[in-house]
Amino acid sequence: MAKVPRVIIIDPDRESAVELQKMLQLIGFEVLASAGYGVEAFTLALQLRPDLVLLRVEEPLVRPIQTLVKLNDGMPDLPIIVYSTEANIRLMRQSMVGGASDYLQEPLTEEELESSILRVLERKEREMARRRGELEDPVPQGTIVTVFGAKGGIGKTTIASNLAVALAMDAHQTVALVDMDTRFGDVAITMDIPVERSIADLARNLHNIDRVTLRDYLVEHESGVRILPAPTRPSDWRNLTAAHIRDVVDVLAQTHDFVVLDTPGTFNEIVAAAIEVGTIILLITTLDMASIKDTVLALEMLHERFGNDEERIKVILNRSGMDTGVREKDVERTLDSPLWWKIPQDPEVMKAGQLGRPIVMSRPNSKAAVEMREIARALAGIRNRNRAAKGSGLGRLIRPLFKRSA
């Protein structure tokens, strides 16, 4: 961002406004002024023309929401971030309807505040550029789920394949499953499909592909999942670059609700590209010490690249309950990161794999299948009634309402 963002604070609590001003200045933003609600706020915004407004909203809601609506009606291009001590759904909804660009709950942190402001301003810049004709109209973009693990043999392909099927059958999404294993590529075996064309063929001919011809490169599974297999010869990967991978995934994401990427238990340029494009990264680990050690290193790498983003990076413990001498609570402590989900050890998984049929289809009520189906529902944003009572989940429920991609 070329210039320092200029901000106005609207907060009837003067002490609160002063504290927020200090925080904003420490981050590097310019605070033009602060005001209370109503005419004072609107007049100040009209005169100073800030880049962004920070507006406190508390009960009773009449004055703050009235101020929010007035600002949004009078200056519709002015981003407004609401902050509050409360996180109840009525207040959040009224703020959203009133025109808020984001909603932050106190106590605020410098990191959260800076991230919100920069994200909102970037969204505004994109919209203004689009209006000026500097950007093309937005294209549809599905969710890219990168299934990643720092070692082999931990069940990544099984999880990727079953999640893809569950997303298609249980969550009723259009799904593409891409085998990115540069060494072996087991998705075709796991899903029992023939390999006629592969990701290498699609990458080489991408300049001639449209939405109709794209389907010629995908194998449609009986579940409805469209599969892009790995090449049958490892040598076919040689001419593929990270740019090829990004382009292939981008095309698939324009035509599918979900693109699931199955990556190998190694790290190379192809895997790096799969991680980079992932909307959500599912980091798989198990209860053996080698897997945990490698997962610690993988998490460090991911945090260096994306920060401690729990919405993007989600750790899944596979084969939970195995007697390895390692306790699950020790895994969280060692990783210094919460386990997002646990998939139990289940002998039915191996049986299903030998049949070339995903367990969510062959044994949908088995322990592992139930959990993988629930993961798929969670990824699709479908409320899990069985887990609803565990924590309020209010922040996770509401936050996506404000975080719309540009």
Protein backbone atom coordinates (compact mmCIF):
# COMPACT_ATOMS: atom_id res chain seq x y z
CA MET A 1 0.00 0.00 0.00
CA ALA A 2 1.71 3.22 -1.19
CA LYS A 3 0.45 5.72 1.40
CA VAL A 4 -0.10 5.48 5.13
CA PRO A 5 -3.79 4.66 5.75
CA ARG A 6 -5.72 7.54 7.35
CA VAL A 7 -8.24 6.53 10.00
CA ILE A 8 -11.07 8.11 11.98
CA ILE A 9 -12.20 6.60 15.28
CA ILE A 10 -15.87 6.84 16.24
CA ASP A 11 -16.16 6.00 19.92
CA PRO A 12 -18.12 7.90 22.60
CA ASP A 13 -15.74 6.52 25.23
CA ARG A 14 -12.87 9.02 25.04
CA GLU A 15 -10.44 6.88 27.04
CA SER A 16 -11.10 3.94 24.75
CA ALA A 17 -10.58 6.15 21.69
CA VAL A 18 -7.23 7.38 23.03
CA GLU A 19 -6.03 3.81 23.69
CA LEU A 20 -7.07 2.73 20.21
CA GLN A 21 -5.35 5.76 18.70
CA LYS A 22 -2.09 4.83 20.44
CA MET A 23 -2.33 1.27 19.12
CA LEU A 24 -3.00 2.46 15.57
CA GLN A 25 -0.06 4.86 15.67
CA LEU A 26 2.25 2.13 16.96
CA ILE A 27 1.23 -0.04 14.01
CA GLY A 28 1.94 2.84 11.63
CA PHE A 29 -1.49 4.25 10.72
CA GLU A 30 -2.40 7.94 10.80
CA VAL A 31 -5.34 8.82 13.07
CA LEU A 32 -7.01 11.98 11.74
CA ALA A 33 -9.50 12.49 14.57
CA SER A 34 -12.00 10.82 16.87
CA ALA A 35 -15.67 11.58 17.39
CA GLY A 36 -18.83 10.40 19.09
CA TYR A 37 -21.91 9.08 17.32
CA GLY A 38 -24.39 10.93 15.12
CA VAL A 39 -23.91 14.26 13.35
CA GLU A 40 -20.40 14.78 14.74
CA ALA A 41 -19.19 11.50 13.24
CA PHE A 42 -20.78 12.04 9.83
CA THR A 43 -19.58 15.65 9.55
CA LEU A 44 -16.02 14.70 10.47
CA ALA A 45 -15.91 11.85 7.96
CA LEU A 46 -17.32 14.11 5.25
CA GLN A 47 -14.73 16.82 5.91
CA LEU A 48 -11.63 14.67 6.39
CA ARG A 49 -12.36 11.89 3.87
CA PRO A 50 -10.45 9.13 5.71
CA ASP A 51 -9.42 5.84 4.14
CA LEU A 52 -11.23 3.90 6.85
CA VAL A 53 -13.42 4.30 9.94
CA LEU A 54 -13.23 2.31 13.16
CA LEU A 55 -16.61 2.38 14.91
CA ARG A 56 -17.47 1.11 18.37
CA VAL A 57 -20.85 -0.66 18.65
CA GLU A 58 -22.34 -1.43 22.07
CA GLU A 59 -25.79 -1.81 23.59
CA PRO A 60 -28.10 0.06 23.24
CA LEU A 61 -27.64 -0.26 19.50
CA VAL A 62 -29.82 2.59 18.24
CA ARG A 63 -27.16 5.32 18.00
CA PRO A 64 -24.15 3.28 16.87
CA ILE A 65 -26.13 1.39 14.21
CA GLN A 66 -27.80 4.60 13.08
CA THR A 67 -24.35 6.18 12.70
CA LEU A 68 -23.08 3.13 10.81
CA VAL A 69 -26.02 3.17 8.39
CA LYS A 70 -25.74 6.93 7.83
CA LEU A 71 -22.02 6.70 7.05
CA ASN A 72 -22.56 3.76 4.71
CA ASP A 73 -25.42 5.48 2.88
CA GLY A 74 -23.58 8.80 2.56
CA MET A 75 -20.13 7.38 1.73
CA PRO A 76 -20.66 3.86 0.37
CA ASP A 77 -17.00 3.48 -0.64
CA LEU A 78 -15.75 4.18 2.89
CA PRO A 79 -14.79 0.94 4.68
CA ILE A 80 -16.04 0.70 8.27
CA ILE A 81 -14.66 -1.78 10.78
CA VAL A 82 -16.85 -2.34 13.82
CA TYR A 83 -15.38 -3.27 17.20
CA SER A 84 -17.18 -4.23 20.40
CA THR A 85 -16.84 -5.92 23.76
CA GLU A 86 -19.74 -8.16 22.73
CA ALA A 87 -19.92 -11.05 20.27
CA ASN A 88 -23.62 -11.84 20.23
CA ILE A 89 -25.14 -12.79 16.92
CA ARG A 90 -27.78 -10.01 16.92
CA LEU A 91 -25.16 -7.29 17.24
CA MET A 92 -22.96 -8.87 14.58
CA ARG A 93 -25.85 -9.28 12.17
CA GLN A 94 -27.03 -5.68 12.59
CA SER A 95 -23.49 -4.47 12.00
CA MET A 96 -23.21 -6.54 8.83
CA VAL A 97 -26.57 -5.36 7.50
CA GLY A 98 -25.62 -1.78 8.39
CA GLY A 99 -22.58 -1.98 6.14
CA ALA A 100 -19.65 -3.09 8.31
CA SER A 101 -16.65 -4.44 6.42
CA ASP A 102 -15.35 -6.44 9.39
CA TYR A 103 -16.17 -7.10 13.03
CA LEU A 104 -13.58 -7.27 15.81
CA GLN A 105 -14.14 -8.29 19.41
CA GLU A 106 -12.23 -6.63 22.21
CA PRO A 107 -9.66 -6.84 23.63
CA LEU A 108 -7.99 -5.92 20.34
CA THR A 109 -4.45 -6.95 19.50
CA GLU A 110 -2.09 -5.06 17.22
CA GLU A 111 -1.78 -8.07 14.92
CA GLU A 112 -5.54 -8.56 14.59
CA LEU A 113 -6.19 -4.85 14.07
CA GLU A 114 -3.48 -4.42 11.44
CA SER A 115 -4.57 -7.57 9.59
CA SER A 116 -8.20 -6.46 9.49
CA ILE A 117 -7.42 -2.94 8.29
CA LEU A 118 -5.05 -4.06 5.55
CA ARG A 119 -7.44 -6.77 4.37
CA VAL A 120 -10.39 -4.36 4.20
CA LEU A 121 -8.38 -1.67 2.40
CA GLU A 122 -7.00 -4.18 -0.09
CA ARG A 123 -10.55 -5.30 -0.83
CA LYS A 124 -11.55 -1.68 -1.41
CA GLU A 125 -8.58 -1.07 -3.74
CA ARG A 126 -9.50 -4.12 -5.81
CA GLU A 127 -13.10 -2.98 -6.12
CA MET A 128 -12.08 0.55 -7.16
CA ALA A 129 -9.61 -0.83 -9.72
CA ARG A 130 -12.30 -3.11 -11.08
CA ARG A 131 -14.64 -0.16 -11.53
CA ARG A 132 -11.93 1.73 -13.42
CA GLY A 133 -11.53 -1.25 -15.71
CA GLU A 134 -8.03 -2.04 -14.45
CA LEU A 135 -9.08 -5.49 -13.26
CA GLU A 136 -11.11 -8.12 -15.05
CA ASP A 137 -14.42 -9.14 -13.57
CA PRO A 138 -13.97 -11.73 -10.83
CA VAL A 139 -14.20 -15.38 -11.81
CA PRO A 140 -15.70 -18.15 -9.69
CA GLN A 141 -13.19 -19.64 -7.28
CA GLY A 142 -13.71 -22.84 -5.35
CA THR A 143 -12.00 -23.88 -2.12
CA ILE A 144 -8.62 -25.56 -2.56
CA VAL A 145 -7.90 -28.18 0.12
CA THR A 146 -4.25 -29.24 0.24
CA VAL A 147 -3.76 -32.53 2.10
CA PHE A 148 -0.17 -32.43 3.29
CA GLY A 149 2.09 -34.42 5.59
CA ALA A 150 5.81 -34.39 6.19
CA LYS A 151 6.26 -38.16 5.80
CA GLY A 152 4.80 -41.04 3.85
CA GLY A 153 2.60 -43.83 5.13
CA ILE A 154 0.39 -41.67 7.35
CA GLY A 155 -2.82 -41.97 5.32
CA LYS A 156 -2.83 -38.76 3.26
CA THR A 157 -4.16 -40.39 0.09
CA THR A 158 -6.85 -42.25 2.02
CA ILE A 159 -7.96 -39.02 3.70
CA ALA A 160 -7.84 -36.96 0.49
CA SER A 161 -9.84 -39.54 -1.48
CA ASN A 162 -12.47 -40.06 1.20
CA LEU A 163 -12.87 -36.33 1.84
CA ALA A 164 -13.38 -35.74 -1.87
CA VAL A 165 -16.08 -38.44 -2.01
CA ALA A 166 -17.77 -37.21 1.17
CA LEU A 167 -17.78 -33.62 -0.12
CA ALA A 168 -19.49 -34.83 -3.29
CA MET A 169 -21.96 -37.30 -1.76
CA ASP A 170 -22.72 -35.93 1.71
CA ALA A 171 -22.19 -32.20 1.17
CA HIS A 172 -23.41 -32.19 -2.47
CA GLN A 173 -20.44 -30.20 -3.80
CA THR A 174 -18.73 -30.40 -7.18
CA VAL A 175 -15.28 -31.81 -6.45
CA ALA A 176 -12.02 -32.33 -8.31
CA LEU A 177 -9.40 -34.64 -6.77
CA VAL A 178 -5.82 -34.13 -8.01
CA ASP A 179 -3.05 -36.67 -7.46
CA MET A 180 0.18 -34.69 -7.04
CA ASP A 181 2.39 -37.56 -5.89
CA THR A 182 5.49 -37.20 -8.04
CA ARG A 183 6.75 -40.69 -7.16
CA PHE A 184 3.93 -43.23 -6.99
CA GLY A 185 0.48 -41.64 -7.31
CA ASP A 186 -1.95 -44.00 -5.60
CA VAL A 187 -5.22 -42.11 -6.07
CA ALA A 188 -6.11 -44.12 -9.20
CA ILE A 189 -5.64 -47.38 -7.26
CA THR A 190 -7.49 -46.11 -4.19
CA MET A 191 -10.43 -45.02 -6.34
CA ASP A 192 -10.15 -47.97 -8.79
CA ILE A 193 -10.11 -45.87 -11.96
CA PRO A 194 -8.19 -46.17 -15.25
CA VAL A 195 -5.45 -43.66 -16.09
CA GLU A 196 -5.68 -42.44 -19.66
CA ARG A 197 -4.66 -38.82 -19.17
CA SER A 198 -2.88 -37.20 -16.26
CA ILE A 199 -2.06 -33.86 -14.68
CA ALA A 200 1.02 -33.75 -16.94
CA ASP A 201 -1.16 -33.96 -20.07
CA LEU A 202 -3.48 -31.22 -18.83
CA ALA A 203 -0.57 -28.93 -17.91
CA ARG A 204 0.99 -29.32 -21.36
CA ASN A 205 -2.27 -28.44 -23.14
CA LEU A 206 -3.68 -25.87 -20.75
CA HIS A 207 -3.58 -23.07 -23.34
CA ASN A 208 -6.13 -25.01 -25.45
CA ILE A 209 -8.48 -25.92 -22.58
CA ASP A 210 -11.95 -24.54 -21.95
CA ARG A 211 -14.65 -25.70 -19.55
CA VAL A 212 -15.92 -28.31 -21.99
CA THR A 213 -12.59 -29.84 -23.02
CA LEU A 214 -11.36 -29.79 -19.41
CA ARG A 215 -13.63 -32.75 -18.67
CA ASP A 216 -11.75 -34.86 -21.22
CA TYR A 217 -8.80 -34.89 -18.83
CA LEU A 218 -10.81 -35.83 -15.74
CA VAL A 219 -12.05 -39.30 -14.82
CA GLU A 220 -15.49 -39.19 -13.24
CA HIS A 221 -15.82 -41.55 -10.30
CA GLU A 222 -19.16 -43.17 -9.44
CA SER A 223 -19.38 -40.81 -6.44
CA GLY A 224 -19.37 -37.80 -8.77
CA VAL A 225 -15.79 -36.80 -7.93
CA ARG A 226 -13.75 -35.83 -11.00
CA ILE A 227 -10.21 -37.15 -10.71
CA LEU A 228 -7.04 -35.85 -12.31
CA PRO A 229 -4.58 -38.74 -11.87
CA ALA A 230 -0.81 -38.62 -11.54
CA PRO A 231 1.25 -39.75 -14.54
CA THR A 232 1.97 -43.47 -14.64
CA ARG A 233 5.63 -42.70 -15.45
CA PRO A 234 7.57 -40.55 -12.96
CA SER A 235 9.56 -39.11 -15.88
CA ASP A 236 6.41 -37.28 -17.02
CA TRP A 237 6.80 -34.93 -14.04
CA ARG A 238 10.16 -33.64 -15.26
CA ASN A 239 8.91 -30.76 -17.34
CA LEU A 240 6.22 -29.70 -14.88
CA THR A 241 6.94 -26.55 -12.87
CA ALA A 242 5.27 -24.84 -9.94
CA ALA A 243 3.70 -22.42 -12.43
CA HIS A 244 2.09 -25.35 -14.28
CA ILE A 245 0.61 -26.63 -11.01
CA ARG A 246 -0.78 -23.23 -10.05
CA ASP A 247 -2.37 -22.82 -13.49
CA VAL A 248 -3.95 -26.30 -13.43
CA VAL A 249 -5.37 -25.82 -9.94
CA ASP A 250 -6.66 -22.36 -10.85
CA VAL A 251 -8.59 -23.73 -13.84
CA LEU A 252 -10.08 -26.52 -11.72
CA ALA A 253 -11.04 -24.08 -8.94
CA GLN A 254 -12.97 -22.00 -11.47
CA THR A 255 -15.16 -25.00 -12.32
CA HIS A 256 -15.52 -26.86 -9.00
CA ASP A 257 -16.71 -26.01 -5.51
CA PHE A 258 -13.74 -27.90 -4.04
CA VAL A 259 -10.36 -28.96 -5.39
CA VAL A 260 -8.64 -31.55 -3.17
CA LEU A 261 -4.88 -31.90 -3.67
CA ASP A 262 -3.23 -35.13 -2.55
CA THR A 263 0.48 -34.50 -1.98
CA PRO A 264 3.35 -36.97 -1.45
CA GLY A 265 5.31 -37.52 1.76
CA THR A 266 8.20 -35.39 0.56
CA PHE A 267 8.89 -31.73 -0.11
CA ASN A 268 9.68 -30.39 -3.56
CA GLU A 269 8.69 -27.59 -5.93
CA ILE A 270 5.39 -29.28 -6.79
CA VAL A 271 4.40 -29.71 -3.14
CA ALA A 272 5.43 -26.12 -2.38
CA ALA A 273 3.07 -24.92 -5.13
CA ALA A 274 0.23 -27.07 -3.74
CA ILE A 275 0.74 -25.54 -0.30
CA GLU A 276 0.94 -22.02 -1.68
CA VAL A 277 -2.40 -22.24 -3.51
CA GLY A 278 -4.23 -24.01 -0.67
CA THR A 279 -7.21 -22.17 0.78
CA ILE A 280 -7.09 -24.74 3.58
CA ILE A 281 -4.08 -26.89 4.42
CA LEU A 282 -4.85 -30.15 6.22
CA LEU A 283 -1.62 -31.20 7.92
CA ILE A 284 -1.79 -34.92 8.67
CA THR A 285 0.12 -36.57 11.51
CA THR A 286 -0.03 -39.84 13.45
CA LEU A 287 0.97 -41.05 16.91
CA ASP A 288 4.46 -42.25 16.00
CA MET A 289 7.48 -40.16 17.00
CA ALA A 290 8.91 -39.86 13.47
CA SER A 291 5.64 -38.42 12.17
CA ILE A 292 5.36 -35.99 15.09
CA LYS A 293 8.98 -34.82 14.67
CA ASP A 294 8.43 -34.16 10.97
CA THR A 295 5.11 -32.44 11.67
CA VAL A 296 6.83 -30.01 14.07
CA LEU A 297 9.18 -29.00 11.25
CA ALA A 298 6.30 -28.76 8.76
CA LEU A 299 4.32 -26.53 11.12
CA GLU A 300 7.30 -24.24 11.60
CA MET A 301 7.61 -23.91 7.84
CA LEU A 302 3.88 -23.20 7.41
CA HIS A 303 3.85 -20.64 10.23
CA GLU A 304 6.84 -18.85 8.72
CA ARG A 305 4.97 -18.59 5.41
CA PHE A 306 1.40 -17.92 6.55
CA GLY A 307 1.69 -16.90 10.20
CA ASN A 308 -0.22 -18.71 12.92
CA ASP A 309 -3.37 -18.91 10.79
CA GLU A 310 -5.63 -21.53 12.37
CA GLU A 311 -8.32 -20.88 9.77
CA ARG A 312 -5.95 -21.95 7.01
CA ILE A 313 -3.69 -24.52 8.71
CA LYS A 314 -5.55 -27.39 10.40
CA VAL A 315 -3.79 -30.34 12.03
CA ILE A 316 -5.50 -33.73 11.77
CA LEU A 317 -4.42 -36.70 13.88
CA ASN A 318 -4.92 -39.86 11.85
CA ARG A 319 -5.23 -43.34 13.42
CA SER A 320 -6.11 -41.85 16.77
CA GLY A 321 -6.28 -44.38 19.58
CA MET A 322 -3.37 -46.53 18.39
CA ASP A 323 -1.23 -47.86 21.22
CA THR A 324 2.16 -46.40 20.32
CA GLY A 325 3.16 -45.17 23.76
CA VAL A 326 2.51 -41.57 22.68
CA ARG A 327 -0.47 -39.82 24.27
CA GLU A 328 -2.65 -37.51 22.20
CA LYS A 329 -2.34 -34.65 24.68
CA ASP A 330 1.44 -34.92 24.32
CA VAL A 331 1.07 -34.43 20.56
CA GLU A 332 -0.67 -31.08 21.03
CA ARG A 333 1.93 -29.98 23.55
CA THR A 334 4.81 -31.00 21.29
CA LEU A 335 3.29 -29.34 18.23
CA ASP A 336 2.23 -26.28 20.26
CA SER A 337 -0.88 -26.35 18.11
CA PRO A 338 -4.40 -27.70 18.65
CA LEU A 339 -5.58 -30.83 16.86
CA TRP A 340 -8.45 -29.75 14.63
CA TRP A 341 -9.75 -33.29 14.16
CA LYS A 342 -9.00 -36.89 15.12
CA ILE A 343 -9.67 -39.82 12.81
CA PRO A 344 -9.70 -43.07 14.81
CA GLN A 345 -7.72 -46.19 14.00
CA ASP A 346 -10.14 -48.42 12.10
CA PRO A 347 -9.34 -51.81 10.48
CA GLU A 348 -12.14 -51.19 7.98
CA VAL A 349 -9.98 -48.54 6.27
CA MET A 350 -7.44 -51.10 5.08
CA LYS A 351 -10.17 -53.47 3.92
CA ALA A 352 -11.79 -50.70 1.88
CA GLY A 353 -8.43 -49.73 0.38
CA GLN A 354 -7.81 -53.28 -0.79
CA LEU A 355 -11.18 -53.24 -2.55
CA GLY A 356 -10.42 -49.95 -4.32
CA ARG A 357 -13.49 -48.40 -2.75
CA PRO A 358 -13.41 -45.41 -0.36
CA ILE A 359 -14.54 -46.32 3.15
CA VAL A 360 -17.11 -43.50 3.20
CA MET A 361 -18.90 -45.52 0.49
CA SER A 362 -18.19 -49.13 1.47
CA ARG A 363 -18.50 -48.69 5.27
CA PRO A 364 -20.13 -45.26 5.73
CA ASN A 365 -20.98 -45.91 9.38
CA SER A 366 -17.56 -47.17 10.44
CA LYS A 367 -15.65 -45.07 12.96
CA ALA A 368 -13.17 -43.58 10.51
CA ALA A 369 -15.79 -42.98 7.81
CA VAL A 370 -18.07 -41.09 10.20
CA GLU A 371 -15.24 -38.72 11.15
CA MET A 372 -14.16 -38.14 7.55
CA ARG A 373 -17.74 -37.43 6.54
CA GLU A 374 -17.99 -34.92 9.37
CA ILE A 375 -14.75 -33.26 8.29
CA ALA A 376 -16.22 -32.87 4.81
CA ARG A 377 -19.37 -31.32 6.24
CA ALA A 378 -17.27 -28.92 8.31
CA LEU A 379 -15.24 -27.88 5.27
CA ALA A 380 -18.47 -27.28 3.35
CA GLY A 381 -19.81 -25.12 6.19
CA ILE A 382 -22.58 -27.53 7.16
CA ARG A 383 -23.25 -27.42 10.89
CA ASN A 384 -22.32 -30.55 12.78
CA ARG A 385 -25.15 -31.08 15.23
CA ASN A 386 -23.24 -33.63 17.27
CA ARG A 387 -20.44 -31.16 17.96
CA ALA A 388 -22.52 -28.00 18.28
CA ALA A 389 -22.54 -28.16 22.06
CA LYS A 390 -18.73 -28.27 22.29
CA GLY A 391 -17.84 -24.58 22.64
CA SER A 392 -19.84 -21.65 21.40
CA GLY A 393 -18.18 -21.57 17.96
CA LEU A 394 -19.73 -18.13 17.47
CA GLY A 395 -16.60 -16.50 16.13
CA ARG A 396 -16.08 -19.28 13.56
CA LEU A 397 -19.74 -19.10 12.54
CA ILE A 398 -19.87 -15.34 12.04
CA ARG A 399 -16.38 -14.48 10.82
CA PRO A 400 -16.90 -15.78 7.24
CA LEU A 401 -19.79 -13.31 6.86
CA PHE A 402 -17.26 -10.48 6.96
CA LYS A 403 -14.30 -12.14 5.24
CA ARG A 404 -15.49 -12.10 1.66
CA SER A 405 -12.73 -12.57 -0.90
CA ALA A 406 -12.22 -9.79 -3.35
